Amino acid sequence: HEAFAGQILANLKALDSDYFAKTYLNRSSKVGEIPLEKFNTWGGSLSIGHPFGATGVRLVTTAANRLIRENKRYALLAACAAGGQGHAMLIERYP
């Protein structure tokens, strides 16, 4: 979701930081850089458009269609919810 792009960018920077890994994740080294081509290049809810409250179905439908179109197997979906909550889902495409 475009409204939280800043949060994603901050997380990407943190995951690619040895300091962050050692200080906050109790890891000896960073997770590493995550390739941006793995992210949603089809756009999010603001660019695609959806009625408020239909984020989940929009995410699942877009991910399922993308798996078919790009001939991929897995998609990871995540969305925020009110009050600091959130949800995530891993979907698998069967050939």
PDB file of N, CA and C in Angstrom:
ATOM      1  N   HIS A   1       0.847  -1.168   0.000  1.00  0.00           N
ATOM      2  CA  HIS A   1       0.000   0.000   0.000  1.00  0.00           C
ATOM      3  C   HIS A   1       0.896   1.235   0.000  1.00  0.00           C
ATOM      4  N   GLU A   2       0.650   2.147  -0.898  1.00  0.00           N
ATOM      5  CA  GLU A   2       1.523   3.295  -1.064  1.00  0.00           C
ATOM      6  C   GLU A   2       1.626   4.162   0.179  1.00  0.00           C
ATOM      7  N   ALA A   3       0.596   4.167   0.992  1.00  0.00           N
ATOM      8  CA  ALA A   3       0.612   5.005   2.193  1.00  0.00           C
ATOM      9  C   ALA A   3       1.709   4.580   3.165  1.00  0.00           C
ATOM     10  N   PHE A   4       2.177   3.354   3.042  1.00  0.00           N
ATOM     11  CA  PHE A   4       3.185   2.849   3.964  1.00  0.00           C
ATOM     12  C   PHE A   4       4.518   2.581   3.271  1.00  0.00           C
ATOM     13  N   ALA A   5       4.725   3.204   2.121  1.00  0.00           N
ATOM     14  CA  ALA A   5       5.975   3.010   1.384  1.00  0.00           C
ATOM     15  C   ALA A   5       7.174   3.418   2.215  1.00  0.00           C
ATOM     16  N   GLY A   6       7.048   4.460   3.000  1.00  0.00           N
ATOM     17  CA  GLY A   6       8.150   4.898   3.861  1.00  0.00           C
ATOM     18  C   GLY A   6       8.550   3.826   4.863  1.00  0.00           C
ATOM     19  N   GLN A   7       7.579   3.127   5.394  1.00  0.00           N
ATOM     20  CA  GLN A   7       7.852   2.043   6.342  1.00  0.00           C
ATOM     21  C   GLN A   7       8.611   0.913   5.660  1.00  0.00           C
ATOM     22  N   ILE A   8       8.203   0.572   4.463  1.00  0.00           N
ATOM     23  CA  ILE A   8       8.890  -0.481   3.704  1.00  0.00           C
ATOM     24  C   ILE A   8      10.333  -0.081   3.442  1.00  0.00           C
ATOM     25  N   LEU A   9      10.553   1.154   3.002  1.00  0.00           N
ATOM     26  CA  LEU A   9      11.906   1.616   2.710  1.00  0.00           C
ATOM     27  C   LEU A   9      12.780   1.590   3.967  1.00  0.00           C
ATOM     28  N   ALA A  10      12.215   1.976   5.102  1.00  0.00           N
ATOM     29  CA  ALA A  10      12.967   1.933   6.360  1.00  0.00           C
ATOM     30  C   ALA A  10      13.322   0.491   6.732  1.00  0.00           C
ATOM     31  N   ASN A  11      12.379  -0.432   6.541  1.00  0.00           N
ATOM     32  CA  ASN A  11      12.647  -1.841   6.848  1.00  0.00           C
ATOM     33  C   ASN A  11      13.711  -2.424   5.930  1.00  0.00           C
ATOM     34  N   LEU A  12      13.671  -2.070   4.652  1.00  0.00           N
ATOM     35  CA  LEU A  12      14.684  -2.555   3.716  1.00  0.00           C
ATOM     36  C   LEU A  12      16.070  -2.075   4.119  1.00  0.00           C
ATOM     37  N   LYS A  13      16.159  -0.826   4.517  1.00  0.00           N
ATOM     38  CA  LYS A  13      17.446  -0.271   4.957  1.00  0.00           C
ATOM     39  C   LYS A  13      17.919  -0.969   6.229  1.00  0.00           C
ATOM     40  N   ALA A  14      17.002  -1.223   7.159  1.00  0.00           N
ATOM     41  CA  ALA A  14      17.360  -1.894   8.410  1.00  0.00           C
ATOM     42  C   ALA A  14      17.837  -3.327   8.157  1.00  0.00           C
ATOM     43  N   LEU A  15      17.166  -4.046   7.279  1.00  0.00           N
ATOM     44  CA  LEU A  15      17.554  -5.428   6.990  1.00  0.00           C
ATOM     45  C   LEU A  15      18.925  -5.522   6.330  1.00  0.00           C
ATOM     46  N   ASP A  16      19.361  -4.445   5.709  1.00  0.00           N
ATOM     47  CA  ASP A  16      20.664  -4.426   5.041  1.00  0.00           C
ATOM     48  C   ASP A  16      21.724  -3.729   5.901  1.00  0.00           C
ATOM     49  N   SER A  17      21.501  -3.683   7.213  1.00  0.00           N
ATOM     50  CA  SER A  17      22.406  -2.994   8.134  1.00  0.00           C
ATOM     51  C   SER A  17      22.959  -3.949   9.188  1.00  0.00           C
ATOM     52  N   ASP A  18      24.280  -4.062   9.248  1.00  0.00           N
ATOM     53  CA  ASP A  18      24.907  -4.874  10.302  1.00  0.00           C
ATOM     54  C   ASP A  18      24.601  -4.298  11.682  1.00  0.00           C
ATOM     55  N   TYR A  19      24.624  -2.964  11.805  1.00  0.00           N
ATOM     56  CA  TYR A  19      24.333  -2.326  13.091  1.00  0.00           C
ATOM     57  C   TYR A  19      22.934  -2.699  13.578  1.00  0.00           C
ATOM     58  N   PHE A  20      21.950  -2.583  12.709  1.00  0.00           N
ATOM     59  CA  PHE A  20      20.573  -2.909  13.082  1.00  0.00           C
ATOM     60  C   PHE A  20      20.459  -4.384  13.480  1.00  0.00           C
ATOM     61  N   ALA A  21      21.089  -5.252  12.706  1.00  0.00           N
ATOM     62  CA  ALA A  21      21.019  -6.690  12.985  1.00  0.00           C
ATOM     63  C   ALA A  21      21.605  -7.012  14.363  1.00  0.00           C
ATOM     64  N   LYS A  22      22.750  -6.440  14.668  1.00  0.00           N
ATOM     65  CA  LYS A  22      23.408  -6.720  15.946  1.00  0.00           C
ATOM     66  C   LYS A  22      22.684  -6.075  17.119  1.00  0.00           C
ATOM     67  N   THR A  23      22.224  -4.839  16.922  1.00  0.00           N
ATOM     68  CA  THR A  23      21.616  -4.081  18.007  1.00  0.00           C
ATOM     69  C   THR A  23      20.181  -4.489  18.303  1.00  0.00           C
ATOM     70  N   TYR A  24      19.388  -4.738  17.267  1.00  0.00           N
ATOM     71  CA  TYR A  24      17.958  -4.959  17.457  1.00  0.00           C
ATOM     72  C   TYR A  24      17.464  -6.373  17.160  1.00  0.00           C
ATOM     73  N   LEU A  25      18.213  -7.125  16.382  1.00  0.00           N
ATOM     74  CA  LEU A  25      17.764  -8.466  16.015  1.00  0.00           C
ATOM     75  C   LEU A  25      18.572  -9.574  16.669  1.00  0.00           C
ATOM     76  N   ASN A  26      19.597  -9.191  17.432  1.00  0.00           N
ATOM     77  CA  ASN A  26      20.462 -10.167  18.099  1.00  0.00           C
ATOM     78  C   ASN A  26      21.066 -11.150  17.094  1.00  0.00           C
ATOM     79  N   ARG A  27      21.443 -10.622  15.939  1.00  0.00           N
ATOM     80  CA  ARG A  27      22.085 -11.413  14.889  1.00  0.00           C
ATOM     81  C   ARG A  27      23.527 -10.964  14.744  1.00  0.00           C
ATOM     82  N   SER A  28      24.376 -11.845  14.269  1.00  0.00           N
ATOM     83  CA  SER A  28      25.781 -11.496  14.081  1.00  0.00           C
ATOM     84  C   SER A  28      26.011 -10.676  12.816  1.00  0.00           C
ATOM     85  N   SER A  29      25.097 -10.771  11.864  1.00  0.00           N
ATOM     86  CA  SER A  29      25.234  -9.998  10.631  1.00  0.00           C
ATOM     87  C   SER A  29      23.860  -9.672  10.068  1.00  0.00           C
ATOM     88  N   LYS A  30      23.873  -8.775   9.097  1.00  0.00           N
ATOM     89  CA  LYS A  30      22.618  -8.305   8.504  1.00  0.00           C
ATOM     90  C   LYS A  30      21.907  -9.412   7.732  1.00  0.00           C
ATOM     91  N   VAL A  31      20.611  -9.233   7.543  1.00  0.00           N
ATOM     92  CA  VAL A  31      19.823 -10.140   6.721  1.00  0.00           C
ATOM     93  C   VAL A  31      20.272  -9.992   5.272  1.00  0.00           C
ATOM     94  N   GLY A  32      20.448  -8.760   4.835  1.00  0.00           N
ATOM     95  CA  GLY A  32      20.934  -8.484   3.491  1.00  0.00           C
ATOM     96  C   GLY A  32      19.943  -7.695   2.664  1.00  0.00           C
ATOM     97  N   GLU A  33      20.376  -7.370   1.484  1.00  0.00           N
ATOM     98  CA  GLU A  33      19.554  -6.588   0.569  1.00  0.00           C
ATOM     99  C   GLU A  33      18.478  -7.473  -0.055  1.00  0.00           C
ATOM    100  N   ILE A  34      17.269  -6.947  -0.125  1.00  0.00           N
ATOM    101  CA  ILE A  34      16.165  -7.658  -0.754  1.00  0.00           C
ATOM    102  C   ILE A  34      15.955  -7.029  -2.131  1.00  0.00           C
ATOM    103  N   PRO A  35      16.010  -7.818  -3.192  1.00  0.00           N
ATOM    104  CA  PRO A  35      15.851  -7.258  -4.543  1.00  0.00           C
ATOM    105  C   PRO A  35      14.489  -6.595  -4.725  1.00  0.00           C
ATOM    106  N   LEU A  36      14.500  -5.363  -5.198  1.00  0.00           N
ATOM    107  CA  LEU A  36      13.247  -4.628  -5.377  1.00  0.00           C
ATOM    108  C   LEU A  36      12.328  -5.269  -6.408  1.00  0.00           C
ATOM    109  N   GLU A  37      12.882  -6.054  -7.335  1.00  0.00           N
ATOM    110  CA  GLU A  37      12.017  -6.712  -8.320  1.00  0.00           C
ATOM    111  C   GLU A  37      11.121  -7.770  -7.681  1.00  0.00           C
ATOM    112  N   LYS A  38      11.388  -8.110  -6.413  1.00  0.00           N
ATOM    113  CA  LYS A  38      10.542  -9.052  -5.688  1.00  0.00           C
ATOM    114  C   LYS A  38       9.291  -8.371  -5.133  1.00  0.00           C
ATOM    115  N   PHE A  39       9.275  -7.058  -5.138  1.00  0.00           N
ATOM    116  CA  PHE A  39       8.154  -6.321  -4.579  1.00  0.00           C
ATOM    117  C   PHE A  39       7.065  -6.104  -5.616  1.00  0.00           C
ATOM    118  N   ASN A  40       5.970  -5.552  -5.189  1.00  0.00           N
ATOM    119  CA  ASN A  40       4.799  -5.377  -6.047  1.00  0.00           C
ATOM    120  C   ASN A  40       5.044  -4.292  -7.089  1.00  0.00           C
ATOM    121  N   THR A  41       5.417  -4.720  -8.272  1.00  0.00           N
ATOM    122  CA  THR A  41       5.639  -3.774  -9.361  1.00  0.00           C
ATOM    123  C   THR A  41       4.351  -3.468 -10.120  1.00  0.00           C
ATOM    124  N   TRP A  42       3.264  -4.091  -9.733  1.00  0.00           N
ATOM    125  CA  TRP A  42       1.964  -3.832 -10.365  1.00  0.00           C
ATOM    126  C   TRP A  42       1.234  -2.670  -9.704  1.00  0.00           C
ATOM    127  N   GLY A  43       1.783  -2.142  -8.639  1.00  0.00           N
ATOM    128  CA  GLY A  43       1.134  -1.049  -7.927  1.00  0.00           C
ATOM    129  C   GLY A  43       0.273  -1.560  -6.792  1.00  0.00           C
ATOM    130  N   GLY A  44      -0.088  -0.668  -5.926  1.00  0.00           N
ATOM    131  CA  GLY A  44      -0.873  -1.030  -4.756  1.00  0.00           C
ATOM    132  C   GLY A  44      -2.289  -0.506  -4.836  1.00  0.00           C
ATOM    133  N   SER A  45      -2.917  -0.417  -3.689  1.00  0.00           N
ATOM    134  CA  SER A  45      -4.343  -0.096  -3.655  1.00  0.00           C
ATOM    135  C   SER A  45      -4.664   1.291  -4.199  1.00  0.00           C
ATOM    136  N   LEU A  46      -3.759   2.238  -4.044  1.00  0.00           N
ATOM    137  CA  LEU A  46      -4.058   3.571  -4.571  1.00  0.00           C
ATOM    138  C   LEU A  46      -3.987   3.602  -6.089  1.00  0.00           C
ATOM    139  N   SER A  47      -3.026   2.884  -6.663  1.00  0.00           N
ATOM    140  CA  SER A  47      -2.899   2.902  -8.119  1.00  0.00           C
ATOM    141  C   SER A  47      -3.920   1.999  -8.792  1.00  0.00           C
ATOM    142  N   ILE A  48      -4.253   0.881  -8.158  1.00  0.00           N
ATOM    143  CA  ILE A  48      -5.223  -0.052  -8.737  1.00  0.00           C
ATOM    144  C   ILE A  48      -6.642   0.376  -8.390  1.00  0.00           C
ATOM    145  N   GLY A  49      -6.826   0.811  -7.180  1.00  0.00           N
ATOM    146  CA  GLY A  49      -8.133   1.246  -6.707  1.00  0.00           C
ATOM    147  C   GLY A  49      -8.939   0.077  -6.152  1.00  0.00           C
ATOM    148  N   HIS A  50      -9.534   0.272  -5.009  1.00  0.00           N
ATOM    149  CA  HIS A  50     -10.419  -0.715  -4.413  1.00  0.00           C
ATOM    150  C   HIS A  50     -11.257  -0.023  -3.356  1.00  0.00           C
ATOM    151  N   PRO A  51     -12.427  -0.561  -3.062  1.00  0.00           N
ATOM    152  CA  PRO A  51     -13.241   0.037  -2.008  1.00  0.00           C
ATOM    153  C   PRO A  51     -12.606  -0.194  -0.650  1.00  0.00           C
ATOM    154  N   PHE A  52     -12.721   0.776   0.224  1.00  0.00           N
ATOM    155  CA  PHE A  52     -12.167   0.653   1.573  1.00  0.00           C
ATOM    156  C   PHE A  52     -12.733  -0.597   2.236  1.00  0.00           C
ATOM    157  N   GLY A  53     -11.882  -1.376   2.860  1.00  0.00           N
ATOM    158  CA  GLY A  53     -12.316  -2.595   3.519  1.00  0.00           C
ATOM    159  C   GLY A  53     -12.169  -3.829   2.647  1.00  0.00           C
ATOM    160  N   ALA A  54     -11.758  -3.652   1.399  1.00  0.00           N
ATOM    161  CA  ALA A  54     -11.597  -4.794   0.498  1.00  0.00           C
ATOM    162  C   ALA A  54     -10.123  -5.053   0.177  1.00  0.00           C
ATOM    163  N   THR A  55      -9.246  -4.562   1.027  1.00  0.00           N
ATOM    164  CA  THR A  55      -7.819  -4.713   0.780  1.00  0.00           C
ATOM    165  C   THR A  55      -7.424  -6.173   0.654  1.00  0.00           C
ATOM    166  N   GLY A  56      -7.908  -7.017   1.548  1.00  0.00           N
ATOM    167  CA  GLY A  56      -7.530  -8.427   1.537  1.00  0.00           C
ATOM    168  C   GLY A  56      -7.869  -9.126   0.244  1.00  0.00           C
ATOM    169  N   VAL A  57      -9.091  -8.970  -0.201  1.00  0.00           N
ATOM    170  CA  VAL A  57      -9.509  -9.640  -1.436  1.00  0.00           C
ATOM    171  C   VAL A  57      -8.772  -9.060  -2.636  1.00  0.00           C
ATOM    172  N   ARG A  58      -8.493  -7.775  -2.615  1.00  0.00           N
ATOM    173  CA  ARG A  58      -7.745  -7.151  -3.703  1.00  0.00           C
ATOM    174  C   ARG A  58      -6.316  -7.683  -3.737  1.00  0.00           C
ATOM    175  N   LEU A  59      -5.680  -7.826  -2.572  1.00  0.00           N
ATOM    176  CA  LEU A  59      -4.316  -8.355  -2.501  1.00  0.00           C
ATOM    177  C   LEU A  59      -4.253  -9.801  -2.997  1.00  0.00           C
ATOM    178  N   VAL A  60      -5.172 -10.628  -2.533  1.00  0.00           N
ATOM    179  CA  VAL A  60      -5.167 -12.047  -2.917  1.00  0.00           C
ATOM    180  C   VAL A  60      -5.434 -12.205  -4.410  1.00  0.00           C
ATOM    181  N   THR A  61      -6.405 -11.472  -4.929  1.00  0.00           N
ATOM    182  CA  THR A  61      -6.735 -11.568  -6.350  1.00  0.00           C
ATOM    183  C   THR A  61      -5.574 -11.113  -7.223  1.00  0.00           C
ATOM    184  N   THR A  62      -4.971  -9.989  -6.869  1.00  0.00           N
ATOM    185  CA  THR A  62      -3.830  -9.490  -7.639  1.00  0.00           C
ATOM    186  C   THR A  62      -2.663 -10.459  -7.571  1.00  0.00           C
ATOM    187  N   ALA A  63      -2.364 -10.982  -6.379  1.00  0.00           N
ATOM    188  CA  ALA A  63      -1.250 -11.927  -6.229  1.00  0.00           C
ATOM    189  C   ALA A  63      -1.499 -13.208  -7.018  1.00  0.00           C
ATOM    190  N   ALA A  64      -2.727 -13.731  -6.973  1.00  0.00           N
ATOM    191  CA  ALA A  64      -3.045 -14.951  -7.713  1.00  0.00           C
ATOM    192  C   ALA A  64      -2.894 -14.730  -9.214  1.00  0.00           C
ATOM    193  N   ASN A  65      -3.381 -13.615  -9.703  1.00  0.00           N
ATOM    194  CA  ASN A  65      -3.242 -13.302 -11.131  1.00  0.00           C
ATOM    195  C   ASN A  65      -1.787 -13.096 -11.520  1.00  0.00           C
ATOM    196  N   ARG A  66      -1.015 -12.496 -10.629  1.00  0.00           N
ATOM    197  CA  ARG A  66       0.397 -12.284 -10.926  1.00  0.00           C
ATOM    198  C   ARG A  66       1.157 -13.606 -10.959  1.00  0.00           C
ATOM    199  N   LEU A  67       0.831 -14.527 -10.060  1.00  0.00           N
ATOM    200  CA  LEU A  67       1.473 -15.848 -10.071  1.00  0.00           C
ATOM    201  C   LEU A  67       1.237 -16.553 -11.403  1.00  0.00           C
ATOM    202  N   ILE A  68       0.030 -16.455 -11.898  1.00  0.00           N
ATOM    203  CA  ILE A  68      -0.296 -17.077 -13.184  1.00  0.00           C
ATOM    204  C   ILE A  68       0.462 -16.382 -14.310  1.00  0.00           C
ATOM    205  N   ARG A  69       0.373 -15.083 -14.363  1.00  0.00           N
ATOM    206  CA  ARG A  69       0.975 -14.325 -15.458  1.00  0.00           C
ATOM    207  C   ARG A  69       2.497 -14.462 -15.500  1.00  0.00           C
ATOM    208  N   GLU A  70       3.136 -14.500 -14.320  1.00  0.00           N
ATOM    209  CA  GLU A  70       4.594 -14.563 -14.257  1.00  0.00           C
ATOM    210  C   GLU A  70       5.117 -15.988 -14.065  1.00  0.00           C
ATOM    211  N   ASN A  71       4.189 -16.954 -14.063  1.00  0.00           N
ATOM    212  CA  ASN A  71       4.546 -18.362 -13.899  1.00  0.00           C
ATOM    213  C   ASN A  71       5.414 -18.598 -12.662  1.00  0.00           C
ATOM    214  N   LYS A  72       4.960 -18.055 -11.531  1.00  0.00           N
ATOM    215  CA  LYS A  72       5.657 -18.202 -10.254  1.00  0.00           C
ATOM    216  C   LYS A  72       4.857 -19.126  -9.347  1.00  0.00           C
ATOM    217  N   ARG A  73       5.462 -19.512  -8.229  1.00  0.00           N
ATOM    218  CA  ARG A  73       4.821 -20.473  -7.344  1.00  0.00           C
ATOM    219  C   ARG A  73       4.280 -19.859  -6.057  1.00  0.00           C
ATOM    220  N   TYR A  74       5.019 -18.921  -5.447  1.00  0.00           N
ATOM    221  CA  TYR A  74       4.622 -18.373  -4.147  1.00  0.00           C
ATOM    222  C   TYR A  74       4.438 -16.865  -4.192  1.00  0.00           C
ATOM    223  N   ALA A  75       3.549 -16.373  -3.358  1.00  0.00           N
ATOM    224  CA  ALA A  75       3.385 -14.934  -3.139  1.00  0.00           C
ATOM    225  C   ALA A  75       3.188 -14.709  -1.650  1.00  0.00           C
ATOM    226  N   LEU A  76       3.794 -13.666  -1.144  1.00  0.00           N
ATOM    227  CA  LEU A  76       3.642 -13.273   0.251  1.00  0.00           C
ATOM    228  C   LEU A  76       2.854 -11.982   0.286  1.00  0.00           C
ATOM    229  N   LEU A  77       1.748 -11.983   1.011  1.00  0.00           N
ATOM    230  CA  LEU A  77       0.882 -10.813   1.128  1.00  0.00           C
ATOM    231  C   LEU A  77       0.951 -10.299   2.555  1.00  0.00           C
ATOM    232  N   ALA A  78       0.892  -8.992   2.704  1.00  0.00           N
ATOM    233  CA  ALA A  78       0.853  -8.398   4.041  1.00  0.00           C
ATOM    234  C   ALA A  78       0.063  -7.105   3.969  1.00  0.00           C
ATOM    235  N   ALA A  79      -0.654  -6.816   5.036  1.00  0.00           N
ATOM    236  CA  ALA A  79      -1.423  -5.574   5.103  1.00  0.00           C
ATOM    237  C   ALA A  79      -1.565  -5.158   6.554  1.00  0.00           C
ATOM    238  N   CYS A  80      -1.701  -3.875   6.740  1.00  0.00           N
ATOM    239  CA  CYS A  80      -1.894  -3.356   8.088  1.00  0.00           C
ATOM    240  C   CYS A  80      -3.379  -3.362   8.429  1.00  0.00           C
ATOM    241  N   ALA A  81      -3.647  -3.213   9.717  1.00  0.00           N
ATOM    242  CA  ALA A  81      -5.023  -3.098  10.191  1.00  0.00           C
ATOM    243  C   ALA A  81      -5.042  -2.048  11.297  1.00  0.00           C
ATOM    244  N   ALA A  82      -6.197  -1.621  11.654  1.00  0.00           N
ATOM    245  CA  ALA A  82      -6.341  -0.556  12.641  1.00  0.00           C
ATOM    246  C   ALA A  82      -5.674  -0.915  13.964  1.00  0.00           C
ATOM    247  N   GLY A  83      -5.114   0.078  14.609  1.00  0.00           N
ATOM    248  CA  GLY A  83      -4.559  -0.100  15.947  1.00  0.00           C
ATOM    249  C   GLY A  83      -3.236  -0.837  15.981  1.00  0.00           C
ATOM    250  N   GLY A  84      -2.478  -0.801  14.908  1.00  0.00           N
ATOM    251  CA  GLY A  84      -1.169  -1.438  14.889  1.00  0.00           C
ATOM    252  C   GLY A  84      -1.204  -2.933  14.623  1.00  0.00           C
ATOM    253  N   GLN A  85      -2.340  -3.429  14.224  1.00  0.00           N
ATOM    254  CA  GLN A  85      -2.444  -4.848  13.903  1.00  0.00           C
ATOM    255  C   GLN A  85      -2.071  -5.058  12.438  1.00  0.00           C
ATOM    256  N   GLY A  86      -2.039  -6.286  12.029  1.00  0.00           N
ATOM    257  CA  GLY A  86      -1.759  -6.572  10.644  1.00  0.00           C
ATOM    258  C   GLY A  86      -1.984  -8.042  10.362  1.00  0.00           C
ATOM    259  N   HIS A  87      -1.857  -8.397   9.120  1.00  0.00           N
ATOM    260  CA  HIS A  87      -1.992  -9.800   8.752  1.00  0.00           C
ATOM    261  C   HIS A  87      -1.061 -10.096   7.578  1.00  0.00           C
ATOM    262  N   ALA A  88      -0.748 -11.354   7.440  1.00  0.00           N
ATOM    263  CA  ALA A  88       0.092 -11.795   6.331  1.00  0.00           C
ATOM    264  C   ALA A  88      -0.407 -13.151   5.862  1.00  0.00           C
ATOM    265  N   MET A  89      -0.125 -13.446   4.601  1.00  0.00           N
ATOM    266  CA  MET A  89      -0.567 -14.717   4.032  1.00  0.00           C
ATOM    267  C   MET A  89       0.430 -15.137   2.969  1.00  0.00           C
ATOM    268  N   LEU A  90       0.728 -16.409   2.952  1.00  0.00           N
ATOM    269  CA  LEU A  90       1.549 -16.992   1.907  1.00  0.00           C
ATOM    270  C   LEU A  90       0.624 -17.831   1.045  1.00  0.00           C
ATOM    271  N   ILE A  91       0.599 -17.561  -0.254  1.00  0.00           N
ATOM    272  CA  ILE A  91      -0.242 -18.370  -1.140  1.00  0.00           C
ATOM    273  C   ILE A  91       0.676 -19.115  -2.110  1.00  0.00           C
ATOM    274  N   GLU A  92       0.209 -20.291  -2.513  1.00  0.00           N
ATOM    275  CA  GLU A  92       0.963 -21.136  -3.425  1.00  0.00           C
ATOM    276  C   GLU A  92       0.110 -21.455  -4.632  1.00  0.00           C
ATOM    277  N   ARG A  93       0.703 -21.335  -5.787  1.00  0.00           N
ATOM    278  CA  ARG A  93       0.036 -21.696  -7.042  1.00  0.00           C
ATOM    279  C   ARG A  93       0.411 -23.121  -7.396  1.00  0.00           C
ATOM    280  N   TYR A  94      -0.601 -23.910  -7.659  1.00  0.00           N
ATOM    281  CA  TYR A  94      -0.360 -25.287  -8.093  1.00  0.00           C
ATOM    282  C   TYR A  94      -0.460 -25.341  -9.601  1.00  0.00           C
ATOM    283  N   PRO A  95       0.490 -26.008 -10.250  1.00  0.00           N
ATOM    284  CA  PRO A  95       0.464 -26.080 -11.713  1.00  0.00           C
ATOM    285  C   PRO A  95      -0.715 -26.864 -12.239  1.00  0.00           C
TER     286      PRO A  95
END
